[in-house]
């Protein structure tokens, strides 16, 4: 059974949907204690880190 993301308050989901506040708040770090998250961290950094620096 999948999770209903509409019922979950999650900064990651907000970031993926381009929420301006989430983009502004993104510091370039994502789950730094988990090696398996490095791919997602790289994707998020490439896509959003430069936007939060500009704002």
C-alpha atoms as a PDB file:
ATOM      1  CA  UNK A   1       0.000   0.000   0.000  1.00  0.00           C
ATOM      2  CA  UNK A   2       1.594   3.330  -1.051  1.00  0.00           C
ATOM      3  CA  UNK A   3       1.738   6.376   1.156  1.00  0.00           C
ATOM      4  CA  UNK A   4      -0.705   9.200   0.435  1.00  0.00           C
ATOM      5  CA  UNK A   5       1.753  12.094   0.103  1.00  0.00           C
ATOM      6  CA  UNK A   6      -1.116  14.586   0.304  1.00  0.00           C
ATOM      7  CA  UNK A   7      -1.442  13.636   3.981  1.00  0.00           C
ATOM      8  CA  UNK A   8       2.251  14.078   4.794  1.00  0.00           C
ATOM      9  CA  UNK A   9       3.927  17.387   5.624  1.00  0.00           C
ATOM     10  CA  UNK A  10       7.428  16.986   4.216  1.00  0.00           C
ATOM     11  CA  UNK A  11      10.049  19.556   3.231  1.00  0.00           C
ATOM     12  CA  UNK A  12      11.433  17.149   0.618  1.00  0.00           C
ATOM     13  CA  UNK A  13       8.057  16.953  -1.140  1.00  0.00           C
ATOM     14  CA  UNK A  14       7.711  20.743  -0.948  1.00  0.00           C
ATOM     15  CA  UNK A  15      11.148  21.138  -2.519  1.00  0.00           C
ATOM     16  CA  UNK A  16      10.341  18.725  -5.342  1.00  0.00           C
ATOM     17  CA  UNK A  17       7.167  20.682  -6.094  1.00  0.00           C
ATOM     18  CA  UNK A  18       9.147  23.919  -6.361  1.00  0.00           C
ATOM     19  CA  UNK A  19       7.740  25.574  -3.247  1.00  0.00           C
ATOM     20  CA  UNK A  20       9.579  28.904  -3.009  1.00  0.00           C
ATOM     21  CA  UNK A  21      10.066  28.713   0.765  1.00  0.00           C
ATOM     22  CA  UNK A  22      11.479  25.179   0.531  1.00  0.00           C
ATOM     23  CA  UNK A  23      13.866  26.192  -2.257  1.00  0.00           C
ATOM     24  CA  UNK A  24      14.976  29.219  -0.230  1.00  0.00           C
ATOM     25  CA  UNK A  25      15.544  27.063   2.862  1.00  0.00           C
ATOM     26  CA  UNK A  26      17.537  24.338   1.086  1.00  0.00           C
ATOM     27  CA  UNK A  27      21.133  24.553   2.286  1.00  0.00           C
ATOM     28  CA  UNK A  28      22.569  21.911  -0.031  1.00  0.00           C
ATOM     29  CA  UNK A  29      22.489  19.153   2.577  1.00  0.00           C
ATOM     30  CA  UNK A  30      20.234  16.103   2.516  1.00  0.00           C
ATOM     31  CA  UNK A  31      20.411  13.149   4.914  1.00  0.00           C
ATOM     32  CA  UNK A  32      24.175  13.486   5.317  1.00  0.00           C
ATOM     33  CA  UNK A  33      24.404  10.541   7.721  1.00  0.00           C
ATOM     34  CA  UNK A  34      23.172   8.074   5.088  1.00  0.00           C
ATOM     35  CA  UNK A  35      25.471   6.992   2.286  1.00  0.00           C
ATOM     36  CA  UNK A  36      22.530   5.600   0.296  1.00  0.00           C
ATOM     37  CA  UNK A  37      21.098   9.137   0.061  1.00  0.00           C
ATOM     38  CA  UNK A  38      24.143  10.576  -1.752  1.00  0.00           C
ATOM     39  CA  UNK A  39      22.554  10.220  -5.201  1.00  0.00           C
ATOM     40  CA  UNK A  40      19.460  12.133  -4.136  1.00  0.00           C
ATOM     41  CA  UNK A  41      21.597  14.708  -2.353  1.00  0.00           C
ATOM     42  CA  UNK A  42      23.565  15.324  -5.538  1.00  0.00           C
ATOM     43  CA  UNK A  43      20.380  15.684  -7.569  1.00  0.00           C
ATOM     44  CA  UNK A  44      18.900  18.156  -5.086  1.00  0.00           C
ATOM     45  CA  UNK A  45      22.121  20.150  -4.886  1.00  0.00           C
ATOM     46  CA  UNK A  46      22.440  20.429  -8.665  1.00  0.00           C
ATOM     47  CA  UNK A  47      18.793  21.383  -9.079  1.00  0.00           C
ATOM     48  CA  UNK A  48      18.182  23.680  -6.092  1.00  0.00           C
ATOM     49  CA  UNK A  49      21.313  24.815  -4.235  1.00  0.00           C
ATOM     50  CA  UNK A  50      22.136  27.543  -6.747  1.00  0.00           C
ATOM     51  CA  UNK A  51      18.554  28.853  -6.486  1.00  0.00           C
ATOM     52  CA  UNK A  52      18.693  29.235  -2.711  1.00  0.00           C
ATOM     53  CA  UNK A  53      22.030  31.062  -3.010  1.00  0.00           C
ATOM     54  CA  UNK A  54      20.576  33.524  -5.542  1.00  0.00           C
ATOM     55  CA  UNK A  55      17.559  34.471  -3.459  1.00  0.00           C
END
